[in-house]
């Protein structure tokens, strides 16, 4: 039997747990469990006990189906309270050959230079450009010869309070956290192809109460954003417009949801506040209400896309996933709102043992978490545990296995990699080199002699 992977997507509408078996680099879905979200609103925890109960129920159902007992999981975090920023780092390479350790040192140097707010915690640090000596746009510097390695990274951080509440909730559910992954990042792993990432693509996951945007360019994640709007707002609009209970409005949305509005058929529905009273409603009215809300949602997302500055670089256009994508006519409306960019409605990729129910776009995040655990993430990244994760490809699968087994841990492998990470950009030139030698056991530049500082500056520069 191979190792077990568990992905838990904690959404505002549902909690989905997926158990998979990883064997020889492949993954097979073994079990799944779904529970209605409680104690969660717009992607954040509002009641720890209720949220923990939903998570516990979803995982318990998945374990029952899989027949596997495991409690270590990769969990999603919403983009509600996340912040994104870019940073840059440079290190010298004394050995003249670049390996995983040197790549890690460069990313750590970029984190050292990053101006991350003190009340935020790192979730992902994702490189998007390497430079070796004077050669720019290096896709993978591993194995290359050079004396200087530079890297630009995209950093995703979340509010510490939000992260701590999520962590408490998961632990109360009896689950050990293996990793925490941004939900839009996980969704993009499940639905995108390498060609789309290379050409430039925006993934929009429209869930129950939130919509998350992630832009990939040149196989790198370059921009993320969050909008507190989703398909539940359609349900609320229908309930108010038709004066019917929320559960009836949700059923109408699922059964008759369409953006075409060319039907005069009448349906009979109960009235809110009076179970005995009914009314007849035209499906054209239903369609108009849905159209107005969906158009507004897409226009807000289009503004976010414009704000990113990458709109004109999206050669592969926009990929839509999530529960709202099941609405008839959504693709055509989205294409018009996004200025005729190519639009694709995406389902999660096929996997061995995939349950029929999981082929729905609303499960993209949960399946993306499992694939993340398999190693199908960015080529290199620093994860929520502040460890470097190389992608589990043929070239570096052995290095990844060594990382997982603890045989090699490049993160903080020596004192020169333990520099603080929240430093202003104005100090970058004099403090960015993580090669200063400790004096009396301390990493304190103030204690170095003038000659030592000058010597280290020369090594960093050349």
Protein backbone atom coordinates (compact mmCIF):
# COMPACT_ATOMS: atom_id res chain seq x y z
CA UNK A 1 0.00 0.00 0.00
CA UNK A 2 1.23 3.51 -0.83
CA UNK A 3 1.04 6.64 1.28
CA UNK A 4 -2.29 8.33 1.99
CA UNK A 5 -3.20 11.86 0.86
CA UNK A 6 -6.14 13.74 2.36
CA UNK A 7 -7.45 17.01 0.93
CA UNK A 8 -10.09 19.02 2.80
CA UNK A 9 -11.74 21.96 1.05
CA UNK A 10 -13.35 24.20 3.65
CA UNK A 11 -15.88 26.30 1.78
CA UNK A 12 -18.74 28.59 2.76
CA UNK A 13 -21.36 26.18 1.37
CA UNK A 14 -19.82 22.75 1.89
CA UNK A 15 -16.82 20.96 3.37
CA UNK A 16 -15.40 18.29 1.06
CA UNK A 17 -12.86 15.70 2.18
CA UNK A 18 -11.08 13.45 -0.34
CA UNK A 19 -8.86 10.52 0.56
CA UNK A 20 -6.42 9.27 -2.05
CA UNK A 21 -3.60 6.75 -2.18
CA UNK A 22 -0.25 7.83 -3.59
CA UNK A 23 1.81 5.02 -5.09
CA UNK A 24 4.80 5.30 -7.43
CA UNK A 25 4.01 8.89 -8.35
CA UNK A 26 0.35 8.19 -9.22
CA UNK A 27 -2.78 8.85 -7.19
CA UNK A 28 -6.05 6.90 -6.83
CA UNK A 29 -9.17 8.34 -5.20
CA UNK A 30 -10.29 6.03 -2.38
CA UNK A 31 -13.08 7.89 -0.63
CA UNK A 32 -14.93 11.18 -0.33
CA UNK A 33 -17.15 12.86 2.23
CA UNK A 34 -19.26 16.01 1.99
CA UNK A 35 -20.87 17.98 4.80
CA UNK A 36 -22.86 21.20 4.85
CA UNK A 37 -20.74 24.09 6.10
CA UNK A 38 -21.57 25.41 9.54
CA UNK A 39 -19.73 28.14 11.43
CA UNK A 40 -18.26 29.49 8.17
CA UNK A 41 -19.17 32.68 6.34
CA UNK A 42 -17.55 34.13 3.23
CA UNK A 43 -14.57 31.86 3.60
CA UNK A 44 -13.79 32.57 7.26
CA UNK A 45 -14.51 30.79 10.51
CA UNK A 46 -17.30 32.40 12.53
CA UNK A 47 -17.94 29.54 14.98
CA UNK A 48 -15.03 27.20 15.73
CA UNK A 49 -17.08 24.37 17.26
CA UNK A 50 -19.66 24.23 14.48
CA UNK A 51 -17.00 24.47 11.76
CA UNK A 52 -15.00 21.68 13.41
CA UNK A 53 -18.13 19.52 13.48
CA UNK A 54 -18.63 19.95 9.71
CA UNK A 55 -14.99 19.10 8.99
CA UNK A 56 -15.09 16.07 11.29
CA UNK A 57 -18.25 14.77 9.61
CA UNK A 58 -16.86 15.15 6.07
CA UNK A 59 -13.61 13.35 6.93
CA UNK A 60 -15.44 10.62 8.86
CA UNK A 61 -17.62 9.88 5.82
CA UNK A 62 -14.57 9.81 3.54
CA UNK A 63 -12.73 7.40 5.84
CA UNK A 64 -15.76 5.13 5.98
CA UNK A 65 -15.87 4.89 2.18
CA UNK A 66 -12.10 4.48 1.80
CA UNK A 67 -11.69 2.03 4.67
CA UNK A 68 -8.56 3.96 5.67
CA UNK A 69 -7.77 5.51 9.03
CA UNK A 70 -5.72 8.69 8.61
CA UNK A 71 -5.90 12.17 10.10
CA UNK A 72 -3.13 14.19 8.44
CA UNK A 73 -4.55 16.51 5.77
CA UNK A 74 -3.84 19.31 3.32
CA UNK A 75 -6.50 21.97 3.84
CA UNK A 76 -7.65 24.98 1.83
CA UNK A 77 -7.78 28.56 2.99
CA UNK A 78 -9.97 31.20 1.38
CA UNK A 79 -8.52 34.34 -0.14
CA UNK A 80 -10.75 36.45 2.14
CA UNK A 81 -7.97 37.88 4.27
CA UNK A 82 -4.96 37.27 2.07
CA UNK A 83 -2.47 39.82 0.79
CA UNK A 84 -0.20 39.41 -2.24
CA UNK A 85 3.12 41.11 -2.92
CA UNK A 86 6.28 40.60 -4.94
CA UNK A 87 9.89 40.53 -3.78
CA UNK A 88 13.40 39.97 -5.09
CA UNK A 89 16.49 38.19 -3.76
CA UNK A 90 20.05 37.52 -4.86
CA UNK A 91 22.79 35.21 -3.54
CA UNK A 92 26.30 34.32 -4.64
CA UNK A 93 27.12 30.72 -5.56
CA UNK A 94 30.62 29.88 -4.22
CA UNK A 95 30.57 26.35 -5.69
CA UNK A 96 29.68 27.77 -9.15
CA UNK A 97 26.97 25.09 -9.52
CA UNK A 98 23.34 25.73 -8.64
CA UNK A 99 21.41 23.08 -6.73
CA UNK A 100 18.29 22.90 -4.59
CA UNK A 101 20.09 24.45 -1.63
CA UNK A 102 21.14 27.52 -3.64
CA UNK A 103 17.60 27.92 -5.03
CA UNK A 104 16.25 27.77 -1.50
CA UNK A 105 18.78 30.36 -0.31
CA UNK A 106 17.76 32.73 -3.11
CA UNK A 107 14.05 32.42 -2.28
CA UNK A 108 14.82 32.93 1.42
CA UNK A 109 16.79 36.06 0.52
CA UNK A 110 13.73 37.36 -1.37
CA UNK A 111 11.56 36.64 1.66
CA UNK A 112 14.11 38.43 3.83
CA UNK A 113 13.71 41.52 1.66
CA UNK A 114 9.90 41.33 1.56
CA UNK A 115 7.89 43.89 3.47
CA UNK A 116 5.28 41.47 4.85
CA UNK A 117 3.04 43.17 7.48
CA UNK A 118 3.69 41.96 11.02
CA UNK A 119 0.10 40.73 11.44
CA UNK A 120 0.32 38.50 8.34
CA UNK A 121 1.68 34.97 7.99
CA UNK A 122 3.25 33.43 4.91
CA UNK A 123 1.21 30.84 2.98
CA UNK A 124 3.12 30.58 -0.31
CA UNK A 125 6.30 32.03 -1.79
CA UNK A 126 6.28 31.27 -5.53
CA UNK A 127 9.21 32.14 -7.83
CA UNK A 128 8.27 33.59 -11.22
CA UNK A 129 11.68 34.53 -12.64
CA UNK A 130 15.21 33.22 -12.09
CA UNK A 131 18.35 34.94 -13.35
CA UNK A 132 21.79 33.34 -13.47
CA UNK A 133 24.61 35.86 -13.82
CA UNK A 134 23.50 37.97 -16.82
CA UNK A 135 21.07 35.43 -18.27
CA UNK A 136 17.43 36.32 -17.62
CA UNK A 137 14.16 34.32 -17.75
CA UNK A 138 15.67 31.04 -16.56
CA UNK A 139 12.88 28.49 -16.16
CA UNK A 140 14.80 26.11 -13.89
CA UNK A 141 18.32 27.00 -12.68
CA UNK A 142 18.98 23.58 -11.10
CA UNK A 143 22.21 22.07 -12.42
CA UNK A 144 23.31 25.26 -14.16
CA UNK A 145 26.73 26.84 -13.68
CA UNK A 146 26.95 30.38 -12.40
CA UNK A 147 28.33 32.60 -9.66
CA UNK A 148 25.21 34.64 -8.93
CA UNK A 149 21.57 33.57 -8.64
CA UNK A 150 18.68 36.04 -8.58
CA UNK A 151 14.97 35.32 -8.13
CA UNK A 152 11.69 37.26 -8.19
CA UNK A 153 8.88 35.75 -6.13
CA UNK A 154 5.15 36.19 -5.64
CA UNK A 155 4.22 36.04 -1.95
CA UNK A 156 0.78 35.15 -0.59
CA UNK A 157 0.20 35.88 3.10
CA UNK A 158 -2.89 35.77 5.29
CA UNK A 159 -3.92 37.50 8.49
CA UNK A 160 -2.50 35.67 11.50
CA UNK A 161 -5.81 35.78 13.37
CA UNK A 162 -7.67 34.18 10.45
CA UNK A 163 -4.99 31.50 10.10
CA UNK A 164 -4.97 30.78 13.83
CA UNK A 165 -8.76 30.38 13.90
CA UNK A 166 -8.61 27.97 10.97
CA UNK A 167 -5.81 26.01 12.64
CA UNK A 168 -7.75 25.77 15.92
CA UNK A 169 -10.83 24.58 14.05
CA UNK A 170 -8.97 21.85 12.18
CA UNK A 171 -7.22 20.61 15.31
CA UNK A 172 -10.50 20.57 17.22
CA UNK A 173 -11.80 18.28 14.47
CA UNK A 174 -8.99 15.87 15.36
CA UNK A 175 -6.94 16.54 12.21
CA UNK A 176 -3.22 17.17 11.93
CA UNK A 177 -2.34 19.82 9.34
CA UNK A 178 0.12 18.73 6.69
CA UNK A 179 -0.13 21.93 4.65
CA UNK A 180 -2.39 24.92 4.07
CA UNK A 181 -3.03 25.91 0.44
CA UNK A 182 -4.81 28.94 -1.04
CA UNK A 183 -8.08 27.69 -2.54
CA UNK A 184 -7.66 29.47 -5.90
CA UNK A 185 -4.15 28.02 -6.25
CA UNK A 186 -5.50 24.51 -5.59
CA UNK A 187 -8.31 25.00 -8.12
CA UNK A 188 -5.87 26.07 -10.82
CA UNK A 189 -3.79 22.92 -10.22
CA UNK A 190 -6.88 20.78 -10.83
CA UNK A 191 -8.16 22.46 -14.01
CA UNK A 192 -5.24 23.99 -15.92
CA UNK A 193 -2.96 22.48 -18.52
CA UNK A 194 0.71 23.42 -18.95
CA UNK A 195 0.01 25.12 -22.30
CA UNK A 196 -2.57 27.44 -20.72
CA UNK A 197 -0.17 28.41 -17.93
CA UNK A 198 2.61 29.09 -20.42
CA UNK A 199 0.39 31.29 -22.62
CA UNK A 200 -1.10 33.17 -19.68
CA UNK A 201 -4.48 32.37 -18.14
CA UNK A 202 -6.84 33.60 -15.44
CA UNK A 203 -8.65 31.01 -13.32
CA UNK A 204 -11.83 32.18 -11.61
CA UNK A 205 -13.40 29.83 -9.06
CA UNK A 206 -16.94 31.03 -8.32
CA UNK A 207 -18.15 29.32 -5.18
CA UNK A 208 -21.15 29.72 -2.89
CA UNK A 209 -20.24 32.99 -1.17
CA UNK A 210 -16.86 33.87 -2.65
CA UNK A 211 -15.07 34.15 -5.98
CA UNK A 212 -11.31 33.69 -6.23
CA UNK A 213 -9.07 34.82 -9.06
CA UNK A 214 -5.60 33.45 -9.86
CA UNK A 215 -3.51 34.53 -12.86
CA UNK A 216 -0.77 32.27 -14.25
CA UNK A 217 1.79 33.61 -16.67
CA UNK A 218 4.74 31.66 -18.01
CA UNK A 219 3.94 28.68 -15.76
CA UNK A 220 4.10 30.92 -12.67
CA UNK A 221 1.38 32.28 -10.39
CA UNK A 222 1.57 36.07 -10.71
CA UNK A 223 -1.62 37.51 -9.21
CA UNK A 224 -4.41 36.52 -6.83
CA UNK A 225 -7.58 38.34 -5.76
CA UNK A 226 -10.79 37.67 -3.87
CA UNK A 227 -14.38 38.91 -4.24
CA UNK A 228 -17.02 38.28 -1.56
CA UNK A 229 -19.74 37.30 -4.01
CA UNK A 230 -20.96 33.92 -5.28
CA UNK A 231 -23.88 31.74 -6.28
CA UNK A 232 -25.59 32.09 -2.88
CA UNK A 233 -26.32 35.69 -3.78
CA UNK A 234 -28.43 34.41 -6.69
CA UNK A 235 -30.42 32.33 -4.21
CA UNK A 236 -30.99 35.38 -1.98
CA UNK A 237 -32.07 37.49 -4.95
CA UNK A 238 -34.56 34.85 -6.10
CA UNK A 239 -35.94 34.50 -2.58
CA UNK A 240 -36.58 38.24 -2.31
CA UNK A 241 -37.82 38.74 -5.87
CA UNK A 242 -40.18 35.76 -5.82
CA UNK A 243 -41.11 36.08 -2.14
CA UNK A 244 -40.34 32.43 -1.51
CA UNK A 245 -38.24 30.57 1.13
CA UNK A 246 -34.49 30.29 0.59
CA UNK A 247 -34.55 26.51 0.18
CA UNK A 248 -37.18 26.83 -2.58
CA UNK A 249 -35.16 29.59 -4.26
CA UNK A 250 -32.09 27.32 -4.22
CA UNK A 251 -34.08 24.51 -5.84
CA UNK A 252 -35.38 26.89 -8.52
CA UNK A 253 -31.81 28.02 -9.25
CA UNK A 254 -30.59 24.44 -9.63
CA UNK A 255 -33.58 23.12 -11.62
CA UNK A 256 -34.34 26.13 -13.84
CA UNK A 257 -31.17 28.25 -13.71
CA UNK A 258 -30.57 29.78 -17.14
CA UNK A 259 -29.32 33.07 -18.56
CA UNK A 260 -31.28 32.81 -21.81
CA UNK A 261 -34.73 33.81 -20.50
CA UNK A 262 -36.74 32.75 -23.54
CA UNK A 263 -39.37 30.65 -21.75
CA UNK A 264 -42.80 31.82 -20.66
CA UNK A 265 -43.46 28.59 -18.77
CA UNK A 266 -45.06 29.03 -15.35
CA UNK A 267 -44.04 27.20 -12.18
CA UNK A 268 -45.93 27.05 -8.91
CA UNK A 269 -43.98 27.86 -5.76
CA UNK A 270 -44.84 28.40 -2.06
CA UNK A 271 -44.86 31.89 -0.56
CA UNK A 272 -42.61 32.85 2.31
CA UNK A 273 -44.29 32.95 5.70
CA UNK A 274 -47.29 30.86 4.59
CA UNK A 275 -46.75 27.20 3.78
CA UNK A 276 -50.29 26.84 2.45
CA UNK A 277 -50.22 29.74 -0.01
CA UNK A 278 -48.72 29.29 -3.48
CA UNK A 279 -48.10 31.49 -6.48
CA UNK A 280 -47.28 31.06 -10.16
CA UNK A 281 -44.04 32.55 -11.48
CA UNK A 282 -42.78 32.85 -15.05
CA UNK A 283 -39.38 31.28 -15.80
CA UNK A 284 -38.57 34.45 -17.72
CA UNK A 285 -38.67 36.39 -14.43
CA UNK A 286 -36.44 33.75 -12.82
CA UNK A 287 -33.98 34.07 -15.67
CA UNK A 288 -33.95 37.89 -15.48
CA UNK A 289 -33.16 37.84 -11.76
CA UNK A 290 -30.33 35.35 -12.29
CA UNK A 291 -28.99 37.28 -15.28
CA UNK A 292 -28.80 40.56 -13.34
CA UNK A 293 -26.83 39.02 -10.48
CA UNK A 294 -24.46 36.98 -12.68
CA UNK A 295 -23.74 39.97 -14.92
CA UNK A 296 -22.89 42.09 -11.85
CA UNK A 297 -20.62 39.33 -10.50
CA UNK A 298 -18.75 38.99 -13.79
CA UNK A 299 -18.35 42.78 -14.10
CA UNK A 300 -16.76 42.94 -10.63
CA UNK A 301 -14.40 40.11 -11.61
CA UNK A 302 -13.60 41.89 -14.89
CA UNK A 303 -12.54 44.96 -12.88
CA UNK A 304 -10.26 42.77 -10.78
CA UNK A 305 -8.79 41.33 -13.97
CA UNK A 306 -8.19 44.84 -15.29
CA UNK A 307 -6.61 45.90 -11.98
CA UNK A 308 -4.09 43.03 -12.18
CA UNK A 309 -2.33 44.59 -15.16
CA UNK A 310 -2.07 41.19 -16.85
CA UNK A 311 -5.28 41.25 -18.88
CA UNK A 312 -3.52 41.82 -22.21
CA UNK A 313 -1.08 38.96 -21.49
CA UNK A 314 -3.76 36.26 -21.17
CA UNK A 315 -3.16 34.30 -24.36
CA UNK A 316 -5.27 31.39 -23.11
CA UNK A 317 -8.03 33.67 -21.82
CA UNK A 318 -10.19 32.91 -18.79
CA UNK A 319 -11.01 29.54 -17.23
CA UNK A 320 -14.14 29.41 -15.07
CA UNK A 321 -14.75 26.74 -12.45
CA UNK A 322 -16.83 26.36 -9.30
CA UNK A 323 -20.51 25.75 -8.65
CA UNK A 324 -21.89 28.77 -10.53
CA UNK A 325 -20.42 27.54 -13.82
CA UNK A 326 -23.29 25.06 -14.14
CA UNK A 327 -25.64 27.90 -15.10
CA UNK A 328 -26.79 27.60 -18.70
CA UNK A 329 -25.41 30.42 -20.85
CA UNK A 330 -22.66 31.52 -18.44
CA UNK A 331 -19.81 31.06 -20.92
CA UNK A 332 -21.36 33.32 -23.56
CA UNK A 333 -22.12 36.08 -21.04
CA UNK A 334 -18.63 35.86 -19.53
CA UNK A 335 -17.01 36.15 -22.95
CA UNK A 336 -18.95 39.36 -23.60
CA UNK A 337 -18.13 40.85 -20.18
CA UNK A 338 -14.42 39.95 -20.44
CA UNK A 339 -14.05 41.84 -23.76
CA UNK A 340 -14.17 38.72 -25.94
CA UNK A 341 -11.30 36.94 -24.23
CA UNK A 342 -11.45 33.16 -24.77
CA UNK A 343 -13.55 31.60 -21.98
CA UNK A 344 -13.58 27.95 -20.98
CA UNK A 345 -15.74 26.18 -18.39
CA UNK A 346 -13.45 23.71 -16.64
CA UNK A 347 -14.06 20.49 -14.78
CA UNK A 348 -11.33 18.86 -12.66
CA UNK A 349 -8.97 16.57 -14.54
CA UNK A 350 -9.61 12.84 -14.68
CA UNK A 351 -7.97 10.74 -11.96
CA UNK A 352 -7.92 7.04 -11.19
CA UNK A 353 -10.94 6.02 -9.09
CA UNK A 354 -12.59 9.43 -9.49
CA UNK A 355 -16.18 9.34 -8.20
CA UNK A 356 -18.80 10.55 -10.67
CA UNK A 357 -19.94 13.26 -8.22
CA UNK A 358 -16.40 14.67 -8.05
CA UNK A 359 -16.34 15.44 -11.78
CA UNK A 360 -18.40 18.54 -10.96
CA UNK A 361 -16.58 21.94 -11.21
CA UNK A 362 -17.45 22.67 -7.59
CA UNK A 363 -14.92 20.03 -6.45
CA UNK A 364 -11.92 21.53 -8.27
CA UNK A 365 -10.36 22.89 -5.07
CA UNK A 366 -10.62 19.61 -3.14
CA UNK A 367 -9.03 17.62 -5.98
CA UNK A 368 -6.38 20.31 -6.41
CA UNK A 369 -5.36 19.82 -2.78
CA UNK A 370 -4.76 16.12 -3.42
CA UNK A 371 -2.71 16.92 -6.53
CA UNK A 372 -0.73 19.47 -4.53
CA UNK A 373 0.17 16.71 -2.09
CA UNK A 374 1.27 14.60 -5.03
CA UNK A 375 3.72 17.34 -6.03
CA UNK A 376 1.85 19.00 -8.91
CA UNK A 377 2.46 22.57 -7.80
CA UNK A 378 4.89 25.29 -8.85
CA UNK A 379 8.36 24.14 -9.91
CA UNK A 380 9.70 25.44 -6.58
CA UNK A 381 7.92 27.11 -3.69
CA UNK A 382 8.10 27.78 0.02
CA UNK A 383 4.95 26.33 1.56
CA UNK A 384 2.95 27.18 4.68
CA UNK A 385 5.44 25.17 6.78
CA UNK A 386 8.21 27.41 5.41
CA UNK A 387 9.86 24.46 3.66
CA UNK A 388 10.95 24.40 0.05
CA UNK A 389 8.87 22.12 -2.17
CA UNK A 390 10.29 21.14 -5.56
CA UNK A 391 7.77 19.77 -8.03
CA UNK A 392 7.69 15.95 -8.09
CA UNK A 393 8.85 15.61 -11.70
CA UNK A 394 11.18 12.96 -13.03
CA UNK A 395 14.16 15.29 -12.58
CA UNK A 396 13.66 16.13 -8.92
CA UNK A 397 11.39 13.35 -7.67
CA UNK A 398 14.29 11.92 -5.68
CA UNK A 399 14.91 15.29 -4.03
CA UNK A 400 11.22 15.56 -3.13
CA UNK A 401 11.24 12.07 -1.64
CA UNK A 402 14.29 13.01 0.40
CA UNK A 403 12.50 16.12 1.65
CA UNK A 404 9.45 14.12 2.70
CA UNK A 405 11.55 11.48 4.46
CA UNK A 406 13.62 14.06 6.29
CA UNK A 407 16.90 12.90 4.75
CA UNK A 408 17.54 16.37 3.37
CA UNK A 409 16.05 19.60 4.68
CA UNK A 410 17.37 22.59 2.75
CA UNK A 411 15.23 25.01 4.71
CA UNK A 412 17.28 26.50 7.53
CA UNK A 413 20.02 23.98 6.90
CA UNK A 414 22.60 26.37 8.31
CA UNK A 415 22.76 29.60 10.27
CA UNK A 416 23.12 31.57 7.08
CA UNK A 417 19.50 30.72 6.14
CA UNK A 418 17.82 31.86 9.36
CA UNK A 419 17.58 35.55 8.59
CA UNK A 420 14.38 37.40 9.56
CA UNK A 421 11.93 37.76 6.72
CA UNK A 422 10.18 41.08 7.29
CA UNK A 423 12.69 43.75 6.32
CA UNK A 424 12.12 46.97 4.37
CA UNK A 425 13.14 47.30 0.77
CA UNK A 426 15.29 50.32 1.66
CA UNK A 427 17.79 48.00 3.39
CA UNK A 428 17.98 45.50 0.55
CA UNK A 429 21.38 46.45 -0.88
CA UNK A 430 23.26 46.24 2.44
CA UNK A 431 21.40 43.33 4.07
CA UNK A 432 20.07 41.02 1.36
CA UNK A 433 23.08 38.67 1.18
CA UNK A 434 22.45 35.65 3.45
CA UNK A 435 26.18 34.83 3.61
CA UNK A 436 27.27 36.90 6.60
CA UNK A 437 29.13 34.79 9.13
CA UNK A 438 27.86 34.74 12.73
CA UNK A 439 30.07 36.27 15.42
CA UNK A 440 29.84 34.74 18.90
CA UNK A 441 26.89 32.67 17.74
CA UNK A 442 24.82 35.67 16.59
CA UNK A 443 23.77 36.74 13.11
CA UNK A 444 24.49 40.41 13.89
CA UNK A 445 26.06 42.57 11.23
CA UNK A 446 26.75 45.23 13.82
CA UNK A 447 29.27 42.95 15.51
CA UNK A 448 31.29 42.32 12.36
CA UNK A 449 34.51 44.17 11.80
CA UNK A 450 34.67 46.68 9.00
CA UNK A 451 36.90 44.38 6.97
CA UNK A 452 34.49 41.42 7.35
CA UNK A 453 31.56 43.53 6.24
CA UNK A 454 33.52 44.81 3.26
CA UNK A 455 34.63 41.28 2.31
CA UNK A 456 31.06 39.91 2.50
CA UNK A 457 29.80 42.83 0.43
CA UNK A 458 32.36 42.03 -2.27
CA UNK A 459 31.37 38.33 -2.31
CA UNK A 460 27.69 39.28 -2.60
CA UNK A 461 28.35 41.74 -5.41
CA UNK A 462 30.64 39.55 -7.54
